[in-house]
C-alpha atoms as a PDB file:
ATOM      1  CA  MET A   1      26.011 -14.915 -11.793  1.00  0.00           C
ATOM      2  CA  ARG A   2      22.347 -13.893 -11.934  1.00  0.00           C
ATOM      3  CA  LYS A   3      21.188 -11.391  -9.367  1.00  0.00           C
ATOM      4  CA  VAL A   4      18.288 -12.112  -7.030  1.00  0.00           C
ATOM      5  CA  VAL A   5      15.734  -9.354  -6.465  1.00  0.00           C
ATOM      6  CA  ALA A   6      13.283  -9.837  -3.589  1.00  0.00           C
ATOM      7  CA  ILE A   7      10.145  -7.701  -3.681  1.00  0.00           C
ATOM      8  CA  LEU A   8       8.318  -7.500  -0.363  1.00  0.00           C
ATOM      9  CA  GLY A   9       4.851  -7.201  -1.843  1.00  0.00           C
ATOM     10  CA  PRO A  10       1.887  -9.401  -2.775  1.00  0.00           C
ATOM     11  CA  PRO A  11       2.936 -12.010  -5.373  1.00  0.00           C
ATOM     12  CA  GLU A  12      -0.376 -11.764  -7.229  1.00  0.00           C
ATOM     13  CA  ARG A  13       0.456  -8.127  -7.905  1.00  0.00           C
ATOM     14  CA  TRP A  14       4.195  -8.284  -8.549  1.00  0.00           C
ATOM     15  CA  VAL A  15       4.878 -11.624 -10.257  1.00  0.00           C
ATOM     16  CA  PRO A  16       3.043 -10.680 -13.496  1.00  0.00           C
ATOM     17  CA  LEU A  17       4.876  -7.348 -13.598  1.00  0.00           C
ATOM     18  CA  CYS A  18       8.255  -9.056 -13.176  1.00  0.00           C
ATOM     19  CA  ARG A  19       7.796 -11.587 -15.986  1.00  0.00           C
ATOM     20  CA  PRO A  20       9.051  -9.323 -18.815  1.00  0.00           C
ATOM     21  CA  TYR A  21      12.316  -8.837 -16.903  1.00  0.00           C
ATOM     22  CA  ARG A  22      12.992 -12.408 -15.785  1.00  0.00           C
ATOM     23  CA  GLN A  23      15.822 -12.828 -18.296  1.00  0.00           C
ATOM     24  CA  LEU A  24      17.698 -10.071 -16.437  1.00  0.00           C
ATOM     25  CA  ALA A  25      17.348 -11.315 -12.854  1.00  0.00           C
ATOM     26  CA  ASP A  26      15.624 -13.836 -10.608  1.00  0.00           C
ATOM     27  CA  PHE A  27      12.646 -12.304  -8.808  1.00  0.00           C
ATOM     28  CA  VAL A  28      11.238 -13.471  -5.481  1.00  0.00           C
ATOM     29  CA  CYS A  29       7.929 -11.876  -4.467  1.00  0.00           C
ATOM     30  CA  VAL A  30       6.681 -12.404  -0.920  1.00  0.00           C
ATOM     31  CA  SER A  31       4.385 -10.262   1.213  1.00  0.00           C
ATOM     32  CA  PRO A  32       5.204  -9.885   4.924  1.00  0.00           C
ATOM     33  CA  ILE A  33       1.630  -8.765   5.649  1.00  0.00           C
ATOM     34  CA  ARG A  34      -1.920  -9.827   4.953  1.00  0.00           C
ATOM     35  CA  ALA A  35      -5.109  -7.811   5.091  1.00  0.00           C
ATOM     36  CA  GLN A  36      -8.216  -8.703   7.065  1.00  0.00           C
ATOM     37  CA  PRO A  37     -11.491  -6.755   6.719  1.00  0.00           C
ATOM     38  CA  ILE A  38     -12.708  -5.092   9.917  1.00  0.00           C
ATOM     39  CA  ASP A  39     -16.291  -6.271   9.715  1.00  0.00           C
ATOM     40  CA  ASP A  40     -17.855  -4.569  12.706  1.00  0.00           C
ATOM     41  CA  ALA A  41     -20.531  -2.095  13.766  1.00  0.00           C
ATOM     42  CA  ASN A  42     -18.386   0.862  12.709  1.00  0.00           C
ATOM     43  CA  PHE A  43     -18.596  -0.204   9.077  1.00  0.00           C
ATOM     44  CA  SER A  44     -22.359  -0.583   9.413  1.00  0.00           C
ATOM     45  CA  LEU A  45     -22.570   2.958  10.802  1.00  0.00           C
ATOM     46  CA  PHE A  46     -20.443   4.214   7.913  1.00  0.00           C
ATOM     47  CA  LEU A  47     -22.898   2.658   5.455  1.00  0.00           C
ATOM     48  CA  VAL A  48     -25.821   4.324   7.247  1.00  0.00           C
ATOM     49  CA  ASP A  49     -24.091   7.709   6.979  1.00  0.00           C
ATOM     50  CA  LEU A  50     -23.125   7.099   3.356  1.00  0.00           C
ATOM     51  CA  PHE A  51     -26.665   6.116   2.368  1.00  0.00           C
ATOM     52  CA  ALA A  52     -27.957   9.243   4.139  1.00  0.00           C
ATOM     53  CA  GLY A  53     -25.652  11.458   2.068  1.00  0.00           C
ATOM     54  CA  ARG A  54     -23.501  12.741   4.941  1.00  0.00           C
ATOM     55  CA  PHE A  55     -20.249  12.718   2.961  1.00  0.00           C
ATOM     56  CA  GLU A  56     -19.305  15.061   0.153  1.00  0.00           C
ATOM     57  CA  VAL A  57     -16.182  13.050  -0.638  1.00  0.00           C
ATOM     58  CA  LEU A  58     -14.998   9.471  -0.160  1.00  0.00           C
ATOM     59  CA  VAL A  59     -11.235   8.960  -0.151  1.00  0.00           C
ATOM     60  CA  VAL A  60      -9.958   5.464  -0.946  1.00  0.00           C
ATOM     61  CA  THR A  61      -6.298   4.843  -0.191  1.00  0.00           C
ATOM     62  CA  CYS A  62      -5.622   1.480  -1.880  1.00  0.00           C
ATOM     63  CA  PRO A  63      -7.219  -1.465  -3.730  1.00  0.00           C
ATOM     64  CA  THR A  64      -7.537  -3.387  -0.448  1.00  0.00           C
ATOM     65  CA  VAL A  65     -10.042  -0.786   0.745  1.00  0.00           C
ATOM     66  CA  ILE A  66     -12.207  -1.489  -2.299  1.00  0.00           C
ATOM     67  CA  GLU A  67     -12.012  -5.260  -1.872  1.00  0.00           C
ATOM     68  CA  SER A  68     -12.810  -5.016   1.850  1.00  0.00           C
ATOM     69  CA  MET A  69     -15.742  -2.650   1.315  1.00  0.00           C
ATOM     70  CA  VAL A  70     -17.238  -4.854  -1.369  1.00  0.00           C
ATOM     71  CA  HIS A  71     -16.768  -7.993   0.730  1.00  0.00           C
ATOM     72  CA  MET A  72     -18.479  -6.476   3.773  1.00  0.00           C
ATOM     73  CA  ALA A  73     -21.283  -4.805   1.811  1.00  0.00           C
ATOM     74  CA  ARG A  74     -21.992  -8.058  -0.012  1.00  0.00           C
ATOM     75  CA  GLY A  75     -22.147  -9.895   3.305  1.00  0.00           C
ATOM     76  CA  ARG A  76     -24.833  -7.431   4.408  1.00  0.00           C
ATOM     77  CA  LYS A  77     -26.655  -7.799   1.066  1.00  0.00           C
ATOM     78  CA  MET A  78     -26.047  -4.083   0.498  1.00  0.00           C
ATOM     79  CA  LEU A  79     -23.650  -4.103  -2.438  1.00  0.00           C
ATOM     80  CA  ASP A  80     -26.145  -2.540  -4.848  1.00  0.00           C
ATOM     81  CA  ARG A  81     -26.963   0.158  -2.301  1.00  0.00           C
ATOM     82  CA  LEU A  82     -23.240   0.806  -1.870  1.00  0.00           C
ATOM     83  CA  ARG A  83     -22.826   1.237  -5.623  1.00  0.00           C
ATOM     84  CA  GLU A  84     -25.776   3.606  -5.808  1.00  0.00           C
ATOM     85  CA  ALA A  85     -24.561   5.694  -2.856  1.00  0.00           C
ATOM     86  CA  VAL A  86     -21.039   5.937  -4.272  1.00  0.00           C
ATOM     87  CA  SER A  87     -22.471   7.118  -7.597  1.00  0.00           C
ATOM     88  CA  ARG A  88     -24.002  10.082  -5.728  1.00  0.00           C
ATOM     89  CA  THR A  89     -20.759  10.907  -3.901  1.00  0.00           C
ATOM     90  CA  GLU A  90     -17.401  12.111  -5.180  1.00  0.00           C
ATOM     91  CA  MET A  91     -15.011   9.190  -4.704  1.00  0.00           C
ATOM     92  CA  VAL A  92     -11.316  10.025  -4.977  1.00  0.00           C
ATOM     93  CA  VAL A  93      -8.870   7.128  -5.190  1.00  0.00           C
ATOM     94  CA  ILE A  94      -5.107   6.707  -5.095  1.00  0.00           C
ATOM     95  CA  GLY A  95      -3.476   5.374  -8.265  1.00  0.00           C
ATOM     96  CA  GLU A  96      -4.706   3.456 -11.287  1.00  0.00           C
ATOM     97  CA  ARG A  97      -4.791   0.087  -9.499  1.00  0.00           C
ATOM     98  CA  THR A  98      -7.327   1.372  -6.986  1.00  0.00           C
ATOM     99  CA  SER A  99      -9.347   2.932  -9.776  1.00  0.00           C
ATOM    100  CA  ALA A 100      -9.347  -0.353 -11.700  1.00  0.00           C
ATOM    101  CA  ALA A 101     -10.469  -2.294  -8.607  1.00  0.00           C
ATOM    102  CA  ALA A 102     -13.346   0.127  -8.052  1.00  0.00           C
ATOM    103  CA  THR A 103     -14.451  -0.023 -11.679  1.00  0.00           C
ATOM    104  CA  HIS A 104     -14.280  -3.820 -11.622  1.00  0.00           C
ATOM    105  CA  HIS A 105     -16.803  -3.861  -8.774  1.00  0.00           C
ATOM    106  CA  GLY A 106     -19.094  -1.254 -10.296  1.00  0.00           C
ATOM    107  CA  LEU A 107     -18.071   1.644  -8.049  1.00  0.00           C
ATOM    108  CA  ARG A 108     -17.892   5.004  -9.808  1.00  0.00           C
ATOM    109  CA  VAL A 109     -14.596   6.877  -9.482  1.00  0.00           C
ATOM    110  CA  ALA A 110     -14.713  10.662  -9.719  1.00  0.00           C
ATOM    111  CA  SER A 111     -10.961  11.292  -9.871  1.00  0.00           C
ATOM    112  CA  VAL A 112      -7.615   9.576  -9.403  1.00  0.00           C
ATOM    113  CA  ALA A 113      -4.500  10.859  -7.640  1.00  0.00           C
ATOM    114  CA  PRO A 114      -1.656  10.337 -10.130  1.00  0.00           C
ATOM    115  CA  GLU A 115       0.802   8.533  -7.841  1.00  0.00           C
ATOM    116  CA  ALA A 116       0.337   5.884  -5.171  1.00  0.00           C
ATOM    117  CA  THR A 117       1.609   8.065  -2.337  1.00  0.00           C
ATOM    118  CA  THR A 118      -0.021   9.965   0.499  1.00  0.00           C
ATOM    119  CA  ASP A 119       1.596  13.208  -0.702  1.00  0.00           C
ATOM    120  CA  SER A 120       0.058  12.805  -4.139  1.00  0.00           C
ATOM    121  CA  LEU A 121      -3.361  11.946  -2.730  1.00  0.00           C
ATOM    122  CA  VAL A 122      -3.432  14.850  -0.265  1.00  0.00           C
ATOM    123  CA  GLY A 123      -2.305  17.304  -2.931  1.00  0.00           C
ATOM    124  CA  HIS A 124      -4.959  16.022  -5.318  1.00  0.00           C
ATOM    125  CA  ILE A 125      -7.747  16.298  -2.726  1.00  0.00           C
ATOM    126  CA  ASN A 126      -6.713  19.773  -1.637  1.00  0.00           C
ATOM    127  CA  ARG A 127      -6.997  20.981  -5.228  1.00  0.00           C
ATOM    128  CA  LEU A 128     -10.716  20.199  -5.230  1.00  0.00           C
ATOM    129  CA  PRO A 129     -12.753  23.416  -5.522  1.00  0.00           C
ATOM    130  CA  ARG A 130     -14.774  22.920  -2.329  1.00  0.00           C
ATOM    131  CA  ARG A 131     -14.513  21.681   1.246  1.00  0.00           C
ATOM    132  CA  GLY A 132     -16.833  19.543   3.356  1.00  0.00           C
ATOM    133  CA  THR A 133     -17.062  16.232   5.182  1.00  0.00           C
ATOM    134  CA  MET A 134     -15.038  13.330   3.873  1.00  0.00           C
ATOM    135  CA  ALA A 135     -14.818   9.679   4.797  1.00  0.00           C
ATOM    136  CA  LEU A 136     -11.183   8.572   4.753  1.00  0.00           C
ATOM    137  CA  LEU A 137     -11.251   4.838   4.068  1.00  0.00           C
ATOM    138  CA  ARG A 138      -8.044   2.996   4.909  1.00  0.00           C
ATOM    139  CA  SER A 139      -6.335   0.513   7.217  1.00  0.00           C
ATOM    140  CA  ASP A 140      -6.306   0.733  10.990  1.00  0.00           C
ATOM    141  CA  GLN A 141      -2.626   1.714  10.822  1.00  0.00           C
ATOM    142  CA  GLY A 142      -2.920   4.799   8.650  1.00  0.00           C
ATOM    143  CA  SER A 143      -0.647   7.750   9.333  1.00  0.00           C
ATOM    144  CA  PRO A 144      -2.201  10.577  11.391  1.00  0.00           C
ATOM    145  CA  GLN A 145      -0.232  13.064   9.283  1.00  0.00           C
ATOM    146  CA  MET A 146      -2.648  12.636   6.397  1.00  0.00           C
ATOM    147  CA  VAL A 147      -5.592  13.619   8.598  1.00  0.00           C
ATOM    148  CA  THR A 148      -3.694  16.651   9.882  1.00  0.00           C
ATOM    149  CA  ASP A 149      -2.795  17.775   6.360  1.00  0.00           C
ATOM    150  CA  LEU A 150      -6.415  17.518   5.211  1.00  0.00           C
ATOM    151  CA  GLU A 151      -7.923  19.194   8.269  1.00  0.00           C
ATOM    152  CA  THR A 152      -5.435  22.047   7.944  1.00  0.00           C
ATOM    153  CA  MET A 153      -6.883  22.724   4.490  1.00  0.00           C
ATOM    154  CA  GLY A 154     -10.437  22.896   5.808  1.00  0.00           C
ATOM    155  CA  TRP A 155     -11.748  19.343   5.478  1.00  0.00           C
ATOM    156  CA  LYS A 156     -13.789  17.620   8.174  1.00  0.00           C
ATOM    157  CA  VAL A 157     -12.287  14.138   8.183  1.00  0.00           C
ATOM    158  CA  GLU A 158     -13.995  11.010   9.462  1.00  0.00           C
ATOM    159  CA  GLN A 159     -11.657   8.031   9.480  1.00  0.00           C
ATOM    160  CA  VAL A 160     -13.141   4.651   8.606  1.00  0.00           C
ATOM    161  CA  SER A 161     -10.846   1.676   9.208  1.00  0.00           C
ATOM    162  CA  VAL A 162     -12.041  -1.003   6.803  1.00  0.00           C
ATOM    163  CA  TYR A 163      -9.185  -3.477   7.111  1.00  0.00           C
ATOM    164  CA  SER A 164      -6.383  -4.455   9.439  1.00  0.00           C
ATOM    165  CA  LEU A 165      -2.822  -5.299   8.447  1.00  0.00           C
ATOM    166  CA  LEU A 166      -1.472  -8.440  10.088  1.00  0.00           C
ATOM    167  CA  VAL A 167       2.102  -9.690  10.012  1.00  0.00           C
ATOM    168  CA  ASP A 168       2.308 -12.817   7.863  1.00  0.00           C
ATOM    169  CA  GLU A 169       4.927 -15.172   9.286  1.00  0.00           C
ATOM    170  CA  GLY A 170       4.250 -18.015   6.886  1.00  0.00           C
ATOM    171  CA  GLU A 171       6.646 -20.416   5.202  1.00  0.00           C
ATOM    172  CA  GLU A 172       7.304 -18.093   2.272  1.00  0.00           C
ATOM    173  CA  MET A 173       8.552 -15.318   4.554  1.00  0.00           C
ATOM    174  CA  GLU A 174      10.650 -17.790   6.521  1.00  0.00           C
ATOM    175  CA  GLY A 175      12.182 -18.993   3.277  1.00  0.00           C
ATOM    176  CA  LEU A 176      12.981 -15.458   2.184  1.00  0.00           C
ATOM    177  CA  LEU A 177      14.643 -14.658   5.510  1.00  0.00           C
ATOM    178  CA  ASP A 178      16.673 -17.881   5.260  1.00  0.00           C
ATOM    179  CA  LEU A 179      17.799 -16.831   1.785  1.00  0.00           C
ATOM    180  CA  LEU A 180      18.762 -13.385   3.050  1.00  0.00           C
ATOM    181  CA  GLU A 181      20.801 -14.830   5.922  1.00  0.00           C
ATOM    182  CA  ASP A 182      22.615 -17.114   3.462  1.00  0.00           C
ATOM    183  CA  GLY A 183      23.613 -14.130   1.317  1.00  0.00           C
ATOM    184  CA  GLY A 184      21.313 -15.169  -1.498  1.00  0.00           C
ATOM    185  CA  ILE A 185      19.562 -11.826  -2.064  1.00  0.00           C
ATOM    186  CA  ASP A 186      21.125  -8.901  -3.908  1.00  0.00           C
ATOM    187  CA  VAL A 187      18.238  -6.413  -3.837  1.00  0.00           C
ATOM    188  CA  LEU A 188      15.335  -5.904  -1.427  1.00  0.00           C
ATOM    189  CA  ALA A 189      12.473  -3.748  -2.705  1.00  0.00           C
ATOM    190  CA  PHE A 190       9.709  -2.338  -0.499  1.00  0.00           C
ATOM    191  CA  PRO A 191       6.486  -1.006  -2.080  1.00  0.00           C
ATOM    192  CA  THR A 192       4.938   0.642   1.015  1.00  0.00           C
ATOM    193  CA  PRO A 193       5.801   1.675   4.582  1.00  0.00           C
ATOM    194  CA  ALA A 194       3.550  -1.109   5.890  1.00  0.00           C
ATOM    195  CA  HIS A 195       5.504  -3.768   3.993  1.00  0.00           C
ATOM    196  CA  ALA A 196       8.768  -2.282   5.242  1.00  0.00           C
ATOM    197  CA  GLN A 197       7.550  -2.169   8.842  1.00  0.00           C
ATOM    198  CA  ALA A 198       6.310  -5.767   8.826  1.00  0.00           C
ATOM    199  CA  PHE A 199       9.561  -7.010   7.301  1.00  0.00           C
ATOM    200  CA  LEU A 200      11.665  -5.165   9.875  1.00  0.00           C
ATOM    201  CA  VAL A 201       9.539  -6.509  12.734  1.00  0.00           C
ATOM    202  CA  GLN A 202      10.063 -10.066  11.523  1.00  0.00           C
ATOM    203  CA  MET A 203      13.792  -9.601  10.967  1.00  0.00           C
ATOM    204  CA  GLU A 204      14.295  -8.060  14.387  1.00  0.00           C
ATOM    205  CA  GLY A 205      12.283 -10.799  16.071  1.00  0.00           C
ATOM    206  CA  ARG A 206      14.409 -13.421  14.384  1.00  0.00           C
ATOM    207  CA  ASP A 207      17.914 -11.906  14.492  1.00  0.00           C
ATOM    208  CA  GLY A 208      17.767  -8.832  16.727  1.00  0.00           C
ATOM    209  CA  LYS A 209      18.031  -5.288  15.386  1.00  0.00           C
ATOM    210  CA  GLU A 210      21.827  -5.107  15.295  1.00  0.00           C
ATOM    211  CA  ASN A 211      22.195  -8.345  13.348  1.00  0.00           C
ATOM    212  CA  ALA A 212      19.310  -7.403  11.073  1.00  0.00           C
ATOM    213  CA  LEU A 213      21.029  -4.165  10.093  1.00  0.00           C
ATOM    214  CA  MET A 214      24.303  -6.012   9.522  1.00  0.00           C
ATOM    215  CA  LEU A 215      22.560  -8.427   7.153  1.00  0.00           C
ATOM    216  CA  LEU A 216      21.113  -5.537   5.181  1.00  0.00           C
ATOM    217  CA  GLU A 217      24.500  -3.844   4.752  1.00  0.00           C
ATOM    218  CA  GLY A 218      25.361  -6.187   1.912  1.00  0.00           C
ATOM    219  CA  VAL A 219      22.053  -5.719   0.110  1.00  0.00           C
ATOM    220  CA  ALA A 220      20.845  -2.906  -2.131  1.00  0.00           C
ATOM    221  CA  VAL A 221      17.569  -1.581  -0.707  1.00  0.00           C
ATOM    222  CA  ALA A 222      14.897   0.030  -2.875  1.00  0.00           C
ATOM    223  CA  ALA A 223      11.914   1.996  -1.567  1.00  0.00           C
ATOM    224  CA  MET A 224       8.855   3.091  -3.531  1.00  0.00           C
ATOM    225  CA  GLY A 225       8.037   6.616  -2.425  1.00  0.00           C
ATOM    226  CA  ARG A 226       9.220   9.070   0.198  1.00  0.00           C
ATOM    227  CA  GLU A 227       7.247   7.563   3.085  1.00  0.00           C
ATOM    228  CA  THR A 228       8.643   4.086   2.498  1.00  0.00           C
ATOM    229  CA  ARG A 229      12.189   5.424   2.281  1.00  0.00           C
ATOM    230  CA  GLU A 230      11.746   7.422   5.483  1.00  0.00           C
ATOM    231  CA  ARG A 231      10.362   4.438   7.383  1.00  0.00           C
ATOM    232  CA  LEU A 232      13.384   2.339   6.431  1.00  0.00           C
ATOM    233  CA  GLU A 233      15.846   5.115   7.210  1.00  0.00           C
ATOM    234  CA  GLU A 234      14.236   5.721  10.613  1.00  0.00           C
ATOM    235  CA  TYR A 235      15.118   2.133  11.456  1.00  0.00           C
ATOM    236  CA  GLY A 236      18.690   2.635  10.277  1.00  0.00           C
ATOM    237  CA  VAL A 237      18.497   1.019   6.838  1.00  0.00           C
ATOM    238  CA  HIS A 238      20.457   2.647   4.015  1.00  0.00           C
ATOM    239  CA  VAL A 239      18.166   3.111   1.003  1.00  0.00           C
ATOM    240  CA  SER A 240      20.057   3.376  -2.270  1.00  0.00           C
ATOM    241  CA  LEU A 241      17.272   3.114  -4.854  1.00  0.00           C
ATOM    242  CA  VAL A 242      14.115   5.260  -5.055  1.00  0.00           C
ATOM    243  CA  PRO A 243      12.168   5.579  -8.330  1.00  0.00           C
ATOM    244  CA  GLU A 244      11.209   9.052  -9.536  1.00  0.00           C
ATOM    245  CA  ARG A 245       7.552   8.045  -9.537  1.00  0.00           C
ATOM    246  CA  ALA A 246       5.999   5.951  -6.787  1.00  0.00           C
ATOM    247  CA  ASP A 247       4.485   3.247  -8.956  1.00  0.00           C
ATOM    248  CA  ALA A 248       5.280  -0.382  -9.647  1.00  0.00           C
ATOM    249  CA  GLU A 249       6.460   0.027 -13.235  1.00  0.00           C
ATOM    250  CA  SER A 250       8.869   2.815 -12.301  1.00  0.00           C
ATOM    251  CA  MET A 251      10.213   0.699  -9.459  1.00  0.00           C
ATOM    252  CA  LEU A 252      10.830  -2.287 -11.729  1.00  0.00           C
ATOM    253  CA  ARG A 253      12.464  -0.205 -14.441  1.00  0.00           C
ATOM    254  CA  LEU A 254      14.827   1.240 -11.851  1.00  0.00           C
ATOM    255  CA  LEU A 255      15.651  -2.188 -10.434  1.00  0.00           C
ATOM    256  CA  VAL A 256      16.469  -3.768 -13.784  1.00  0.00           C
ATOM    257  CA  SER A 257      18.481  -0.739 -14.902  1.00  0.00           C
ATOM    258  CA  LYS A 258      20.663  -0.968 -11.801  1.00  0.00           C
ATOM    259  CA  VAL A 259      20.802  -4.706 -11.195  1.00  0.00           C
ATOM    260  CA  GLU A 260      23.964  -5.244 -13.234  1.00  0.00           C
ATOM    261  CA  GLU A 261      25.743  -2.509 -11.279  1.00  0.00           C
ATOM    262  CA  ILE A 262      24.990  -4.099  -7.926  1.00  0.00           C
END
């Protein structure tokens, strides 16, 4: 019987990556969260500071930051000014997907952290030869540990929340939870702590924590990166699969290599 692998991430990202492996398993890709740009006065003030050259470094934590920045700058008719200001500033991004999103929108990337994890990004930034003021561009739910780690190494960090993560309780998530309750999922894979958190919130709201954990006992759980694994384990979920590298391809290779053993 074919195994069913559910990936709790955006379908537009994961479905194309899963296609080469569809002869090995059935993949279901659903995101428990959606992003909404925080289009407020704080972003306008960030642009003023950026245009004035206040930041030595811009740190971009995911492709959603790029998309949100571009959307809000375009709405202000300042996209060209954003591009010009970024070209004069050292912009450090996390992972190749974020780099590709920036390049697509004409934003110059100075360097790329090799893995899509906070640890990789912080280590990469702290290897830069100088210190100064940075704008840390991310969601409104970013971990304070990253700020602490950077400030400890001498950076002055200004956090700029450019998007908010909202729980998506749409029909697709309801269908996935129905499938899980019916025993129709063999593997659950979580790309980020935010996806894990949103999924757990929805499961607990629907079944209660005790029942949610019981449902997960019969499922192999995969986590991409240390932070995602730790978030799941803090809740009480047993994580059995973690790829050596925190990237999508490594996650998929691990899943398909283990799916027949599950």
